[in-house]
Amino acid sequence: MADVVPIKITVVDQKGTCVAKHKVGDEFVCDGFTPAGVCVEAFHALYPSLWNMFLGGSFPWADEDGAVRIVCPDGKNPVTFELRPIKEQE
């Protein structure tokens, strides 16, 4: 596997009842493999953005530090995740 920039995944908003029990403040680190505890449906939504960020890509709508927000596909109980590249000094 290519060297990847690890990404911190943080739950920043959650409405309704998440069946995976994600809640605001939950954090995971993804370094190229699915982090334990992340809902597979949410990970499916995060995956394209994660790979872009792993390989040094960016988004025009990202924060200054490269963070982006992605919402899981459950429209009735949405969970919003923030993806933030982990810099070496963190």
PDB file of N, CA and C in Angstrom:
ATOM      1  N   MET A   1       0.849  -1.174   0.000  1.00  0.00           N
ATOM      2  CA  MET A   1       0.000   0.000   0.000  1.00  0.00           C
ATOM      3  C   MET A   1       0.892   1.234   0.000  1.00  0.00           C
ATOM      4  N   ALA A   2       0.501   2.236  -0.739  1.00  0.00           N
ATOM      5  CA  ALA A   2       1.243   3.498  -0.782  1.00  0.00           C
ATOM      6  C   ALA A   2       1.225   4.161   0.588  1.00  0.00           C
ATOM      7  N   ASP A   3       2.249   4.992   0.835  1.00  0.00           N
ATOM      8  CA  ASP A   3       2.239   5.775   2.067  1.00  0.00           C
ATOM      9  C   ASP A   3       1.048   6.708   2.036  1.00  0.00           C
ATOM     10  N   VAL A   4       0.298   6.727   3.122  1.00  0.00           N
ATOM     11  CA  VAL A   4      -0.888   7.579   3.179  1.00  0.00           C
ATOM     12  C   VAL A   4      -0.783   8.541   4.352  1.00  0.00           C
ATOM     13  N   VAL A   5      -1.442   9.674   4.211  1.00  0.00           N
ATOM     14  CA  VAL A   5      -1.570  10.634   5.302  1.00  0.00           C
ATOM     15  C   VAL A   5      -2.704  10.127   6.185  1.00  0.00           C
ATOM     16  N   PRO A   6      -2.466   9.834   7.468  1.00  0.00           N
ATOM     17  CA  PRO A   6      -3.569   9.379   8.308  1.00  0.00           C
ATOM     18  C   PRO A   6      -4.617  10.485   8.470  1.00  0.00           C
ATOM     19  N   ILE A   7      -5.857  10.069   8.608  1.00  0.00           N
ATOM     20  CA  ILE A   7      -6.977  10.996   8.707  1.00  0.00           C
ATOM     21  C   ILE A   7      -7.712  10.759  10.018  1.00  0.00           C
ATOM     22  N   LYS A   8      -7.966  11.854  10.757  1.00  0.00           N
ATOM     23  CA  LYS A   8      -8.794  11.749  11.959  1.00  0.00           C
ATOM     24  C   LYS A   8     -10.240  11.964  11.539  1.00  0.00           C
ATOM     25  N   ILE A   9     -11.099  11.042  11.934  1.00  0.00           N
ATOM     26  CA  ILE A   9     -12.536  11.106  11.658  1.00  0.00           C
ATOM     27  C   ILE A   9     -13.211  11.445  12.985  1.00  0.00           C
ATOM     28  N   THR A  10     -13.960  12.548  13.002  1.00  0.00           N
ATOM     29  CA  THR A  10     -14.644  12.983  14.217  1.00  0.00           C
ATOM     30  C   THR A  10     -16.122  13.176  13.928  1.00  0.00           C
ATOM     31  N   VAL A  11     -16.986  12.657  14.804  1.00  0.00           N
ATOM     32  CA  VAL A  11     -18.426  12.909  14.685  1.00  0.00           C
ATOM     33  C   VAL A  11     -18.674  14.318  15.231  1.00  0.00           C
ATOM     34  N   VAL A  12     -19.174  15.213  14.362  1.00  0.00           N
ATOM     35  CA  VAL A  12     -19.398  16.601  14.774  1.00  0.00           C
ATOM     36  C   VAL A  12     -20.875  16.948  14.917  1.00  0.00           C
ATOM     37  N   ASP A  13     -21.760  16.085  14.407  1.00  0.00           N
ATOM     38  CA  ASP A  13     -23.200  16.324  14.547  1.00  0.00           C
ATOM     39  C   ASP A  13     -23.922  14.996  14.362  1.00  0.00           C
ATOM     40  N   GLN A  14     -25.018  14.825  15.078  1.00  0.00           N
ATOM     41  CA  GLN A  14     -25.816  13.604  14.951  1.00  0.00           C
ATOM     42  C   GLN A  14     -27.251  13.934  15.307  1.00  0.00           C
ATOM     43  N   LYS A  15     -28.160  13.593  14.412  1.00  0.00           N
ATOM     44  CA  LYS A  15     -29.583  13.842  14.647  1.00  0.00           C
ATOM     45  C   LYS A  15     -30.325  12.519  14.620  1.00  0.00           C
ATOM     46  N   GLY A  16     -31.404  12.425  15.386  1.00  0.00           N
ATOM     47  CA  GLY A  16     -32.178  11.183  15.414  1.00  0.00           C
ATOM     48  C   GLY A  16     -31.470  10.113  16.217  1.00  0.00           C
ATOM     49  N   THR A  17     -31.665   8.868  15.804  1.00  0.00           N
ATOM     50  CA  THR A  17     -31.084   7.722  16.499  1.00  0.00           C
ATOM     51  C   THR A  17     -30.179   6.970  15.543  1.00  0.00           C
ATOM     52  N   CYS A  18     -28.901   7.056  15.760  1.00  0.00           N
ATOM     53  CA  CYS A  18     -27.927   6.349  14.925  1.00  0.00           C
ATOM     54  C   CYS A  18     -27.910   4.881  15.347  1.00  0.00           C
ATOM     55  N   VAL A  19     -28.169   3.973  14.400  1.00  0.00           N
ATOM     56  CA  VAL A  19     -28.193   2.549  14.747  1.00  0.00           C
ATOM     57  C   VAL A  19     -26.806   2.038  15.125  1.00  0.00           C
ATOM     58  N   ALA A  20     -25.754   2.722  14.677  1.00  0.00           N
ATOM     59  CA  ALA A  20     -24.390   2.334  15.038  1.00  0.00           C
ATOM     60  C   ALA A  20     -23.939   3.010  16.335  1.00  0.00           C
ATOM     61  N   LYS A  21     -24.850   3.815  16.895  1.00  0.00           N
ATOM     62  CA  LYS A  21     -24.599   4.506  18.166  1.00  0.00           C
ATOM     63  C   LYS A  21     -23.461   5.520  18.113  1.00  0.00           C
ATOM     64  N   HIS A  22     -23.211   6.080  16.903  1.00  0.00           N
ATOM     65  CA  HIS A  22     -22.242   7.166  16.806  1.00  0.00           C
ATOM     66  C   HIS A  22     -22.808   8.375  17.534  1.00  0.00           C
ATOM     67  N   LYS A  23     -21.934   9.117  18.226  1.00  0.00           N
ATOM     68  CA  LYS A  23     -22.378  10.324  18.931  1.00  0.00           C
ATOM     69  C   LYS A  23     -21.316  11.406  18.771  1.00  0.00           C
ATOM     70  N   VAL A  24     -21.727  12.647  18.952  1.00  0.00           N
ATOM     71  CA  VAL A  24     -20.823  13.781  18.824  1.00  0.00           C
ATOM     72  C   VAL A  24     -19.619  13.566  19.744  1.00  0.00           C
ATOM     73  N   GLY A  25     -18.445  13.774  19.187  1.00  0.00           N
ATOM     74  CA  GLY A  25     -17.211  13.608  19.931  1.00  0.00           C
ATOM     75  C   GLY A  25     -16.492  12.298  19.656  1.00  0.00           C
ATOM     76  N   ASP A  26     -17.181  11.310  19.089  1.00  0.00           N
ATOM     77  CA  ASP A  26     -16.506  10.054  18.741  1.00  0.00           C
ATOM     78  C   ASP A  26     -15.374  10.366  17.766  1.00  0.00           C
ATOM     79  N   GLU A  27     -14.221   9.726  17.979  1.00  0.00           N
ATOM     80  CA  GLU A  27     -13.070   9.922  17.095  1.00  0.00           C
ATOM     81  C   GLU A  27     -12.483   8.584  16.677  1.00  0.00           C
ATOM     82  N   PHE A  28     -12.019   8.553  15.445  1.00  0.00           N
ATOM     83  CA  PHE A  28     -11.378   7.378  14.877  1.00  0.00           C
ATOM     84  C   PHE A  28     -10.192   7.867  14.053  1.00  0.00           C
ATOM     85  N   VAL A  29      -9.183   7.045  13.899  1.00  0.00           N
ATOM     86  CA  VAL A  29      -8.075   7.362  13.001  1.00  0.00           C
ATOM     87  C   VAL A  29      -8.080   6.324  11.890  1.00  0.00           C
ATOM     88  N   CYS A  30      -7.994   6.813  10.681  1.00  0.00           N
ATOM     89  CA  CYS A  30      -7.983   5.930   9.522  1.00  0.00           C
ATOM     90  C   CYS A  30      -6.643   6.105   8.801  1.00  0.00           C
ATOM     91  N   ASP A  31      -5.932   4.990   8.617  1.00  0.00           N
ATOM     92  CA  ASP A  31      -4.627   5.030   7.960  1.00  0.00           C
ATOM     93  C   ASP A  31      -4.589   4.093   6.752  1.00  0.00           C
ATOM     94  N   GLY A  32      -5.724   3.921   6.127  1.00  0.00           N
ATOM     95  CA  GLY A  32      -5.803   3.056   4.950  1.00  0.00           C
ATOM     96  C   GLY A  32      -6.658   1.829   5.164  1.00  0.00           C
ATOM     97  N   PHE A  33      -7.074   1.600   6.404  1.00  0.00           N
ATOM     98  CA  PHE A  33      -7.933   0.466   6.727  1.00  0.00           C
ATOM     99  C   PHE A  33      -9.167   0.969   7.464  1.00  0.00           C
ATOM    100  N   THR A  34     -10.263   0.239   7.392  1.00  0.00           N
ATOM    101  CA  THR A  34     -11.500   0.638   8.069  1.00  0.00           C
ATOM    102  C   THR A  34     -11.283   0.637   9.581  1.00  0.00           C
ATOM    103  N   PRO A  35     -11.494   1.777  10.244  1.00  0.00           N
ATOM    104  CA  PRO A  35     -11.323   1.811  11.704  1.00  0.00           C
ATOM    105  C   PRO A  35     -12.413   0.998  12.398  1.00  0.00           C
ATOM    106  N   ALA A  36     -12.033   0.276  13.445  1.00  0.00           N
ATOM    107  CA  ALA A  36     -13.005  -0.485  14.230  1.00  0.00           C
ATOM    108  C   ALA A  36     -14.044   0.459  14.810  1.00  0.00           C
ATOM    109  N   GLY A  37     -15.310   0.066  14.714  1.00  0.00           N
ATOM    110  CA  GLY A  37     -16.390   0.833  15.308  1.00  0.00           C
ATOM    111  C   GLY A  37     -17.100   1.783  14.365  1.00  0.00           C
ATOM    112  N   VAL A  38     -16.560   1.999  13.168  1.00  0.00           N
ATOM    113  CA  VAL A  38     -17.224   2.894  12.212  1.00  0.00           C
ATOM    114  C   VAL A  38     -18.263   2.097  11.437  1.00  0.00           C
ATOM    115  N   CYS A  39     -19.465   2.630  11.398  1.00  0.00           N
ATOM    116  CA  CYS A  39     -20.558   2.017  10.647  1.00  0.00           C
ATOM    117  C   CYS A  39     -20.139   1.806   9.186  1.00  0.00           C
ATOM    118  N   VAL A  40     -20.409   0.623   8.656  1.00  0.00           N
ATOM    119  CA  VAL A  40     -19.990   0.308   7.288  1.00  0.00           C
ATOM    120  C   VAL A  40     -20.674   1.225   6.273  1.00  0.00           C
ATOM    121  N   GLU A  41     -21.928   1.602   6.503  1.00  0.00           N
ATOM    122  CA  GLU A  41     -22.616   2.501   5.576  1.00  0.00           C
ATOM    123  C   GLU A  41     -21.995   3.891   5.600  1.00  0.00           C
ATOM    124  N   ALA A  42     -21.661   4.370   6.790  1.00  0.00           N
ATOM    125  CA  ALA A  42     -20.990   5.670   6.902  1.00  0.00           C
ATOM    126  C   ALA A  42     -19.616   5.596   6.246  1.00  0.00           C
ATOM    127  N   PHE A  43     -18.874   4.519   6.498  1.00  0.00           N
ATOM    128  CA  PHE A  43     -17.544   4.390   5.910  1.00  0.00           C
ATOM    129  C   PHE A  43     -17.631   4.378   4.390  1.00  0.00           C
ATOM    130  N   HIS A  44     -18.660   3.755   3.862  1.00  0.00           N
ATOM    131  CA  HIS A  44     -18.864   3.740   2.408  1.00  0.00           C
ATOM    132  C   HIS A  44     -18.999   5.170   1.872  1.00  0.00           C
ATOM    133  N   ALA A  45     -19.684   6.043   2.617  1.00  0.00           N
ATOM    134  CA  ALA A  45     -19.843   7.439   2.208  1.00  0.00           C
ATOM    135  C   ALA A  45     -18.530   8.215   2.359  1.00  0.00           C
ATOM    136  N   LEU A  46     -17.726   7.876   3.366  1.00  0.00           N
ATOM    137  CA  LEU A  46     -16.466   8.572   3.640  1.00  0.00           C
ATOM    138  C   LEU A  46     -15.337   8.143   2.701  1.00  0.00           C
ATOM    139  N   TYR A  47     -15.401   6.914   2.230  1.00  0.00           N
ATOM    140  CA  TYR A  47     -14.298   6.283   1.510  1.00  0.00           C
ATOM    141  C   TYR A  47     -13.710   7.107   0.357  1.00  0.00           C
ATOM    142  N   PRO A  48     -14.507   7.636  -0.564  1.00  0.00           N
ATOM    143  CA  PRO A  48     -13.898   8.385  -1.679  1.00  0.00           C
ATOM    144  C   PRO A  48     -13.117   9.613  -1.197  1.00  0.00           C
ATOM    145  N   SER A  49     -13.663  10.321  -0.225  1.00  0.00           N
ATOM    146  CA  SER A  49     -12.971  11.498   0.297  1.00  0.00           C
ATOM    147  C   SER A  49     -11.719  11.110   1.070  1.00  0.00           C
ATOM    148  N   LEU A  50     -11.793  10.027   1.832  1.00  0.00           N
ATOM    149  CA  LEU A  50     -10.621   9.546   2.560  1.00  0.00           C
ATOM    150  C   LEU A  50      -9.471   9.245   1.608  1.00  0.00           C
ATOM    151  N   TRP A  51      -9.755   8.520   0.531  1.00  0.00           N
ATOM    152  CA  TRP A  51      -8.674   8.161  -0.389  1.00  0.00           C
ATOM    153  C   TRP A  51      -8.089   9.373  -1.076  1.00  0.00           C
ATOM    154  N   ASN A  52      -8.910  10.332  -1.414  1.00  0.00           N
ATOM    155  CA  ASN A  52      -8.397  11.579  -1.980  1.00  0.00           C
ATOM    156  C   ASN A  52      -7.425  12.229  -1.000  1.00  0.00           C
ATOM    157  N   MET A  53      -7.822  12.299   0.269  1.00  0.00           N
ATOM    158  CA  MET A  53      -6.997  12.939   1.291  1.00  0.00           C
ATOM    159  C   MET A  53      -5.762  12.103   1.631  1.00  0.00           C
ATOM    160  N   PHE A  54      -5.888  10.777   1.651  1.00  0.00           N
ATOM    161  CA  PHE A  54      -4.740   9.904   1.921  1.00  0.00           C
ATOM    162  C   PHE A  54      -3.576  10.209   0.975  1.00  0.00           C
ATOM    163  N   LEU A  55      -3.923  10.442  -0.258  1.00  0.00           N
ATOM    164  CA  LEU A  55      -2.905  10.610  -1.288  1.00  0.00           C
ATOM    165  C   LEU A  55      -2.538  12.071  -1.522  1.00  0.00           C
ATOM    166  N   GLY A  56      -2.920  12.947  -0.570  1.00  0.00           N
ATOM    167  CA  GLY A  56      -2.502  14.346  -0.636  1.00  0.00           C
ATOM    168  C   GLY A  56      -3.441  15.257  -1.395  1.00  0.00           C
ATOM    169  N   GLY A  57      -4.590  14.745  -1.816  1.00  0.00           N
ATOM    170  CA  GLY A  57      -5.550  15.575  -2.537  1.00  0.00           C
ATOM    171  C   GLY A  57      -6.261  16.543  -1.604  1.00  0.00           C
ATOM    172  N   SER A  58      -6.970  17.481  -2.193  1.00  0.00           N
ATOM    173  CA  SER A  58      -7.719  18.460  -1.404  1.00  0.00           C
ATOM    174  C   SER A  58      -9.041  18.759  -2.091  1.00  0.00           C
ATOM    175  N   PHE A  59      -9.855  19.567  -1.426  1.00  0.00           N
ATOM    176  CA  PHE A  59     -11.159  19.962  -1.940  1.00  0.00           C
ATOM    177  C   PHE A  59     -11.261  21.482  -1.894  1.00  0.00           C
ATOM    178  N   PRO A  60     -11.892  22.104  -2.876  1.00  0.00           N
ATOM    179  CA  PRO A  60     -12.014  23.562  -2.860  1.00  0.00           C
ATOM    180  C   PRO A  60     -12.836  24.076  -1.673  1.00  0.00           C
ATOM    181  N   TRP A  61     -13.702  23.242  -1.118  1.00  0.00           N
ATOM    182  CA  TRP A  61     -14.559  23.663  -0.014  1.00  0.00           C
ATOM    183  C   TRP A  61     -13.977  23.308   1.359  1.00  0.00           C
ATOM    184  N   ALA A  62     -12.763  22.771   1.396  1.00  0.00           N
ATOM    185  CA  ALA A  62     -12.139  22.364   2.664  1.00  0.00           C
ATOM    186  C   ALA A  62     -11.760  23.585   3.502  1.00  0.00           C
ATOM    187  N   ASP A  63     -11.692  23.380   4.829  1.00  0.00           N
ATOM    188  CA  ASP A  63     -11.172  24.397   5.731  1.00  0.00           C
ATOM    189  C   ASP A  63      -9.701  24.652   5.394  1.00  0.00           C
ATOM    190  N   GLU A  64      -9.128  25.702   5.983  1.00  0.00           N
ATOM    191  CA  GLU A  64      -7.725  26.031   5.730  1.00  0.00           C
ATOM    192  C   GLU A  64      -6.777  24.878   6.024  1.00  0.00           C
ATOM    193  N   ASP A  65      -7.105  24.087   7.054  1.00  0.00           N
ATOM    194  CA  ASP A  65      -6.229  22.971   7.421  1.00  0.00           C
ATOM    195  C   ASP A  65      -6.560  21.689   6.657  1.00  0.00           C
ATOM    196  N   GLY A  66      -7.462  21.777   5.670  1.00  0.00           N
ATOM    197  CA  GLY A  66      -7.791  20.631   4.829  1.00  0.00           C
ATOM    198  C   GLY A  66      -8.977  19.808   5.281  1.00  0.00           C
ATOM    199  N   ALA A  67      -9.616  20.181   6.401  1.00  0.00           N
ATOM    200  CA  ALA A  67     -10.743  19.407   6.933  1.00  0.00           C
ATOM    201  C   ALA A  67     -11.995  19.577   6.059  1.00  0.00           C
ATOM    202  N   VAL A  68     -12.724  18.467   5.907  1.00  0.00           N
ATOM    203  CA  VAL A  68     -14.010  18.482   5.201  1.00  0.00           C
ATOM    204  C   VAL A  68     -15.043  17.749   6.045  1.00  0.00           C
ATOM    205  N   ARG A  69     -16.313  18.000   5.757  1.00  0.00           N
ATOM    206  CA  ARG A  69     -17.406  17.314   6.455  1.00  0.00           C
ATOM    207  C   ARG A  69     -18.206  16.481   5.466  1.00  0.00           C
ATOM    208  N   ILE A  70     -18.514  15.276   5.908  1.00  0.00           N
ATOM    209  CA  ILE A  70     -19.265  14.320   5.088  1.00  0.00           C
ATOM    210  C   ILE A  70     -20.403  13.779   5.949  1.00  0.00           C
ATOM    211  N   VAL A  71     -21.592  13.634   5.353  1.00  0.00           N
ATOM    212  CA  VAL A  71     -22.761  13.138   6.082  1.00  0.00           C
ATOM    213  C   VAL A  71     -23.043  11.705   5.654  1.00  0.00           C
ATOM    214  N   CYS A  72     -23.385  10.860   6.635  1.00  0.00           N
ATOM    215  CA  CYS A  72     -23.725   9.471   6.329  1.00  0.00           C
ATOM    216  C   CYS A  72     -25.017   9.434   5.498  1.00  0.00           C
ATOM    217  N   PRO A  73     -25.306   8.320   4.858  1.00  0.00           N
ATOM    218  CA  PRO A  73     -26.458   8.248   3.967  1.00  0.00           C
ATOM    219  C   PRO A  73     -27.819   8.077   4.639  1.00  0.00           C
ATOM    220  N   ASP A  74     -27.892   7.972   5.961  1.00  0.00           N
ATOM    221  CA  ASP A  74     -29.180   7.816   6.640  1.00  0.00           C
ATOM    222  C   ASP A  74     -29.864   9.175   6.729  1.00  0.00           C
ATOM    223  N   GLY A  75     -30.769   9.447   5.827  1.00  0.00           N
ATOM    224  CA  GLY A  75     -31.440  10.738   5.762  1.00  0.00           C
ATOM    225  C   GLY A  75     -32.329  11.054   6.960  1.00  0.00           C
ATOM    226  N   LYS A  76     -32.823  10.022   7.655  1.00  0.00           N
ATOM    227  CA  LYS A  76     -33.683  10.249   8.825  1.00  0.00           C
ATOM    228  C   LYS A  76     -32.877  10.437  10.102  1.00  0.00           C
ATOM    229  N   ASN A  77     -31.666   9.920  10.142  1.00  0.00           N
ATOM    230  CA  ASN A  77     -30.820   9.974  11.345  1.00  0.00           C
ATOM    231  C   ASN A  77     -29.385  10.317  10.945  1.00  0.00           C
ATOM    232  N   PRO A  78     -29.181  11.475  10.308  1.00  0.00           N
ATOM    233  CA  PRO A  78     -27.858  11.763   9.758  1.00  0.00           C
ATOM    234  C   PRO A  78     -26.777  11.994  10.814  1.00  0.00           C
ATOM    235  N   VAL A  79     -25.606  11.471  10.509  1.00  0.00           N
ATOM    236  CA  VAL A  79     -24.409  11.704  11.314  1.00  0.00           C
ATOM    237  C   VAL A  79     -23.433  12.462  10.415  1.00  0.00           C
ATOM    238  N   THR A  80     -22.891  13.565  10.917  1.00  0.00           N
ATOM    239  CA  THR A  80     -21.916  14.341  10.163  1.00  0.00           C
ATOM    240  C   THR A  80     -20.530  14.060  10.717  1.00  0.00           C
ATOM    241  N   PHE A  81     -19.637  13.685   9.824  1.00  0.00           N
ATOM    242  CA  PHE A  81     -18.260  13.363  10.178  1.00  0.00           C
ATOM    243  C   PHE A  81     -17.338  14.437   9.624  1.00  0.00           C
ATOM    244  N   GLU A  82     -16.346  14.800  10.413  1.00  0.00           N
ATOM    245  CA  GLU A  82     -15.297  15.689   9.921  1.00  0.00           C
ATOM    246  C   GLU A  82     -14.064  14.837   9.649  1.00  0.00           C
ATOM    247  N   LEU A  83     -13.479  15.022   8.474  1.00  0.00           N
ATOM    248  CA  LEU A  83     -12.244  14.340   8.100  1.00  0.00           C
ATOM    249  C   LEU A  83     -11.133  15.375   8.141  1.00  0.00           C
ATOM    250  N   ARG A  84     -10.093  15.104   8.908  1.00  0.00           N
ATOM    251  CA  ARG A  84      -8.998  16.066   9.057  1.00  0.00           C
ATOM    252  C   ARG A  84      -7.667  15.322   8.933  1.00  0.00           C
ATOM    253  N   PRO A  85      -6.812  15.750   7.978  1.00  0.00           N
ATOM    254  CA  PRO A  85      -5.497  15.125   7.868  1.00  0.00           C
ATOM    255  C   PRO A  85      -4.706  15.331   9.165  1.00  0.00           C
ATOM    256  N   ILE A  86      -3.995  14.300   9.592  1.00  0.00           N
ATOM    257  CA  ILE A  86      -3.177  14.408  10.793  1.00  0.00           C
ATOM    258  C   ILE A  86      -1.771  14.810  10.364  1.00  0.00           C
ATOM    259  N   LYS A  87      -1.356  15.953  10.831  1.00  0.00           N
ATOM    260  CA  LYS A  87      -0.004  16.445  10.526  1.00  0.00           C
ATOM    261  C   LYS A  87       0.997  15.669  11.361  1.00  0.00           C
ATOM    262  N   GLU A  88       2.234  15.610  10.934  1.00  0.00           N
ATOM    263  CA  GLU A  88       3.255  14.827  11.632  1.00  0.00           C
ATOM    264  C   GLU A  88       3.442  15.233  13.090  1.00  0.00           C
ATOM    265  N   GLN A  89       3.310  16.530  13.430  1.00  0.00           N
ATOM    266  CA  GLN A  89       3.542  16.972  14.793  1.00  0.00           C
ATOM    267  C   GLN A  89       2.393  16.653  15.725  1.00  0.00           C
ATOM    268  N   GLU A  90       1.243  16.190  15.240  1.00  0.00           N
ATOM    269  CA  GLU A  90       0.094  15.899  16.112  1.00  0.00           C
ATOM    270  C   GLU A  90       0.285  14.591  16.841  1.00  0.00           C
TER     271      GLU A  90
END
